[in-house]
Amino acid sequence: MSDVKDIAVAGNPSPPPPEDGAENQKRRQILDGARQVFLAQGFDGASMGEIAKVAGVSKGTLYVYFDNKEKLFEALTIEEKSGLAEVLFKLDGEDPDVRAVLTKLGETYLRYMGRPDHVSSVRMVIGAAEKFPRLGQAFFDAGPRQGAARLKAYLDRQVEAGRLSIEDTGIAAQHFLDLCSSGTLRRLLFAVGDMPTEEEIGKNVENAIRVFFAAYGPRAS
């Protein structure tokens, strides 16, 4: 039976797991094991049997929590990327030093984007998205879209306060993130060169800030 097909026992779908603390801990155990297997073998190379083995659970227990490999990968993606967006894009809209706020965000963002495990995740999702578009959508919605939405909300507040002049803060948010990662993520996806150094990160973000404020800085009185 294929790992990407729904599993049914005696014609009935597996029941959902209970929601008590022990069951949540078991789910966490499964997700941790799945992360190891997906990163090591990619989506296509991973199997539910191997995930169960690494997670230290039976294959039957694994299927109680996740019907198939696609749903397991989707759950892992949503949990990790949503949590990451909350941490990376925790922005104080009342801080008047916009340059400092965006510089800190840009540097933290670029450090994460250059991590080998993140690059591997992006490659894996790209490889699986053609066959399973839902995986690409889940990754995009939980990570890039959430982060850009949080940055947009911050930029909205800065426009209201007169600290920035932006017509479309959604586009501006994406511009800033793209400027920060310019020339870095693309080469890493193709396994060209090493992770960016702190000096390279600082220079990239410095250039991003300069271009961003040239386009969106406050208008002269």
Protein backbone atom coordinates (compact mmCIF):
# COMPACT_ATOMS: atom_id res chain seq x y z
CA MET A 1 0.00 0.00 0.00
CA SER A 2 1.41 3.42 -0.94
CA ASP A 3 2.49 5.82 1.80
CA VAL A 4 0.68 8.66 0.07
CA LYS A 5 -2.66 6.87 -0.05
CA ASP A 6 -5.15 7.16 2.79
CA ILE A 7 -4.98 4.18 5.11
CA ALA A 8 -8.22 2.50 6.16
CA VAL A 9 -8.69 -0.42 8.51
CA ALA A 10 -11.57 -2.77 7.63
CA GLY A 11 -12.97 -0.09 5.36
CA ASN A 12 -13.06 2.58 8.09
CA PRO A 13 -10.67 5.53 8.45
CA SER A 14 -8.42 5.64 11.51
CA PRO A 15 -9.98 7.47 14.47
CA PRO A 16 -8.43 10.77 15.53
CA PRO A 17 -6.06 10.56 18.50
CA PRO A 18 -7.21 11.75 21.92
CA GLU A 19 -6.21 15.28 22.88
CA ASP A 20 -4.71 14.67 26.34
CA GLY A 21 -1.14 15.51 27.33
CA ALA A 22 0.27 12.04 26.74
CA GLU A 23 -1.18 11.90 23.24
CA ASN A 24 0.16 15.36 22.42
CA GLN A 25 3.59 14.20 23.57
CA LYS A 26 3.32 11.17 21.29
CA ARG A 27 2.38 13.42 18.38
CA ARG A 28 5.45 15.56 19.13
CA GLN A 29 7.58 12.43 19.15
CA ILE A 30 6.26 11.46 15.72
CA LEU A 31 6.84 14.93 14.27
CA ASP A 32 10.41 15.00 15.59
CA GLY A 33 11.11 11.64 13.98
CA ALA A 34 9.49 12.71 10.74
CA ARG A 35 11.65 15.83 10.59
CA GLN A 36 14.81 13.75 10.81
CA VAL A 37 13.69 11.36 8.07
CA PHE A 38 12.39 14.04 5.69
CA LEU A 39 15.57 16.09 5.97
CA ALA A 40 17.78 13.03 5.48
CA GLN A 41 15.85 11.34 2.66
CA GLY A 42 13.60 13.98 1.13
CA PHE A 43 9.86 13.67 0.75
CA ASP A 44 9.88 10.97 -1.94
CA GLY A 45 12.59 8.93 -0.23
CA ALA A 46 10.93 8.94 3.18
CA SER A 47 8.58 6.13 4.12
CA MET A 48 6.05 5.84 6.90
CA GLY A 49 7.85 2.71 8.09
CA GLU A 50 11.16 4.54 8.46
CA ILE A 51 9.45 7.49 10.16
CA ALA A 52 7.81 5.13 12.66
CA LYS A 53 11.19 3.49 13.35
CA VAL A 54 13.03 6.77 13.93
CA ALA A 55 10.16 8.16 16.01
CA GLY A 56 10.14 5.04 18.16
CA VAL A 57 6.50 4.15 17.55
CA SER A 58 4.73 1.32 15.78
CA LYS A 59 3.52 1.83 12.25
CA GLY A 60 -0.05 1.29 13.48
CA THR A 61 0.36 4.09 16.04
CA LEU A 62 1.75 6.37 13.34
CA TYR A 63 -1.34 5.85 11.20
CA VAL A 64 -3.62 6.67 14.13
CA TYR A 65 -2.15 10.17 14.11
CA PHE A 66 -1.52 10.70 10.41
CA ASP A 67 -3.35 8.94 7.58
CA ASN A 68 -0.49 9.32 5.12
CA LYS A 69 2.91 10.81 4.48
CA GLU A 70 1.49 13.89 2.78
CA LYS A 71 -0.61 14.83 5.82
CA LEU A 72 2.30 14.21 8.15
CA PHE A 73 4.58 16.46 6.11
CA GLU A 74 1.88 19.13 5.92
CA ALA A 75 1.37 19.07 9.71
CA LEU A 76 5.11 19.33 10.30
CA THR A 77 5.41 22.24 7.88
CA ILE A 78 2.50 24.20 9.31
CA GLU A 79 3.69 23.80 12.89
CA GLU A 80 7.30 24.72 12.25
CA LYS A 81 6.77 27.60 9.83
CA SER A 82 3.91 29.18 11.80
CA GLY A 83 6.00 29.12 14.97
CA LEU A 84 8.96 30.57 13.09
CA ALA A 85 6.89 33.47 11.73
CA GLU A 86 5.80 34.34 15.26
CA VAL A 87 9.41 34.41 16.49
CA LEU A 88 11.11 36.12 13.54
CA PHE A 89 8.42 38.71 12.91
CA LYS A 90 7.73 39.82 16.47
CA LEU A 91 7.82 43.54 15.70
CA ASP A 92 7.03 46.50 17.96
CA GLY A 93 4.88 48.86 15.92
CA GLU A 94 5.43 51.67 18.44
CA ASP A 95 9.24 51.63 18.20
CA PRO A 96 10.12 54.88 16.36
CA ASP A 97 13.53 53.61 15.19
CA VAL A 98 12.31 51.90 12.03
CA ARG A 99 15.79 51.41 10.63
CA ALA A 100 16.91 49.56 13.75
CA VAL A 101 13.79 47.38 13.80
CA LEU A 102 14.13 46.44 10.14
CA THR A 103 17.88 45.89 10.44
CA LYS A 104 17.37 43.44 13.30
CA LEU A 105 14.60 41.67 11.39
CA GLY A 106 16.67 41.48 8.20
CA GLU A 107 19.71 40.03 9.93
CA THR A 108 17.70 37.45 11.86
CA TYR A 109 15.72 36.54 8.75
CA LEU A 110 18.82 36.09 6.63
CA ARG A 111 20.57 33.98 9.27
CA TYR A 112 17.63 31.61 9.30
CA MET A 113 17.22 31.55 5.52
CA GLY A 114 20.85 30.47 5.16
CA ARG A 115 20.65 27.57 7.61
CA PRO A 116 21.33 24.22 5.91
CA ASP A 117 18.18 22.62 7.36
CA HIS A 118 16.02 25.45 6.04
CA VAL A 119 17.60 25.28 2.59
CA SER A 120 17.03 21.51 2.59
CA SER A 121 13.39 22.04 3.55
CA VAL A 122 12.84 24.49 0.70
CA ARG A 123 14.45 22.13 -1.80
CA MET A 124 12.30 19.27 -0.51
CA VAL A 125 9.08 21.25 -0.79
CA ILE A 126 9.94 22.43 -4.30
CA GLY A 127 10.64 18.83 -5.31
CA ALA A 128 7.33 17.58 -3.90
CA ALA A 129 5.10 20.51 -4.89
CA GLU A 130 4.66 19.52 -8.52
CA LYS A 131 3.20 16.16 -7.52
CA PHE A 132 1.50 17.44 -4.36
CA PRO A 133 0.65 21.15 -4.82
CA ARG A 134 -1.01 21.19 -1.41
CA LEU A 135 2.39 20.76 0.24
CA GLY A 136 3.74 23.81 -1.53
CA GLN A 137 0.65 25.78 -0.56
CA ALA A 138 0.93 24.71 3.09
CA PHE A 139 4.62 25.65 3.24
CA PHE A 140 3.99 29.03 1.61
CA ASP A 141 0.96 29.90 3.73
CA ALA A 142 2.56 28.87 7.04
CA GLY A 143 5.93 30.52 6.40
CA PRO A 144 6.45 33.22 3.74
CA ARG A 145 2.86 34.45 3.70
CA GLN A 146 2.59 34.64 7.50
CA GLY A 147 5.90 36.47 7.79
CA ALA A 148 5.03 38.98 5.07
CA ALA A 149 1.61 39.60 6.68
CA ARG A 150 3.22 40.37 10.04
CA LEU A 151 5.71 42.73 8.40
CA LYS A 152 2.87 44.40 6.48
CA ALA A 153 1.04 45.08 9.76
CA TYR A 154 4.19 46.67 11.16
CA LEU A 155 4.66 48.82 8.05
CA ASP A 156 0.99 49.90 8.21
CA ARG A 157 1.65 51.31 11.68
CA GLN A 158 4.76 53.16 10.49
CA VAL A 159 2.85 54.74 7.64
CA GLU A 160 0.14 55.87 10.07
CA ALA A 161 2.83 57.41 12.28
CA GLY A 162 4.40 59.21 9.31
CA ARG A 163 7.67 57.31 9.60
CA LEU A 164 7.33 55.74 6.15
CA SER A 165 5.56 56.64 2.93
CA ILE A 166 4.16 53.51 1.31
CA GLU A 167 1.20 53.11 -1.02
CA ASP A 168 1.00 49.29 -0.82
CA THR A 169 2.54 47.92 2.38
CA GLY A 170 1.98 44.33 1.26
CA ILE A 171 4.24 44.82 -1.73
CA ALA A 172 6.73 46.81 0.34
CA ALA A 173 6.97 43.99 2.89
CA GLN A 174 7.82 41.52 0.15
CA HIS A 175 10.30 43.98 -1.36
CA PHE A 176 12.18 44.25 1.93
CA LEU A 177 12.41 40.49 2.46
CA ASP A 178 13.50 39.91 -1.13
CA LEU A 179 16.14 42.63 -0.85
CA CYS A 180 17.54 41.03 2.31
CA SER A 181 17.84 37.58 0.72
CA SER A 182 18.98 38.89 -2.66
CA GLY A 183 21.83 36.82 -4.07
CA THR A 184 21.88 34.49 -1.07
CA LEU A 185 19.00 32.03 -1.04
CA ARG A 186 19.15 31.38 -4.77
CA ARG A 187 22.80 30.30 -4.73
CA LEU A 188 22.26 28.18 -1.61
CA LEU A 189 19.36 26.36 -3.26
CA PHE A 190 21.78 25.36 -6.00
CA ALA A 191 24.43 24.36 -3.43
CA VAL A 192 26.76 27.15 -4.53
CA GLY A 193 29.03 28.39 -1.75
CA ASP A 194 28.65 28.30 2.00
CA MET A 195 26.26 29.90 4.45
CA PRO A 196 26.57 33.69 4.47
CA THR A 197 29.01 35.05 7.02
CA GLU A 198 27.98 37.67 9.56
CA GLU A 199 29.82 40.24 7.45
CA GLU A 200 27.88 39.22 4.33
CA ILE A 201 24.60 39.26 6.23
CA GLY A 202 25.31 42.73 7.57
CA LYS A 203 26.22 44.03 4.12
CA ASN A 204 23.13 42.51 2.50
CA VAL A 205 20.82 44.02 5.08
CA GLU A 206 22.59 47.38 4.98
CA ASN A 207 22.03 47.52 1.22
CA ALA A 208 18.43 46.38 1.63
CA ILE A 209 17.76 49.16 4.16
CA ARG A 210 19.31 51.78 1.88
CA VAL A 211 17.21 50.75 -1.13
CA PHE A 212 14.05 50.32 0.97
CA PHE A 213 14.26 53.80 2.50
CA ALA A 214 15.13 55.35 -0.87
CA ALA A 215 11.78 54.02 -2.10
CA TYR A 216 9.65 54.18 1.04
CA GLY A 217 11.26 56.68 3.41
CA PRO A 218 9.18 59.49 4.91
CA ARG A 219 8.34 62.34 2.58
CA ALA A 220 10.07 65.64 3.17
CA SER A 221 7.87 68.20 4.92
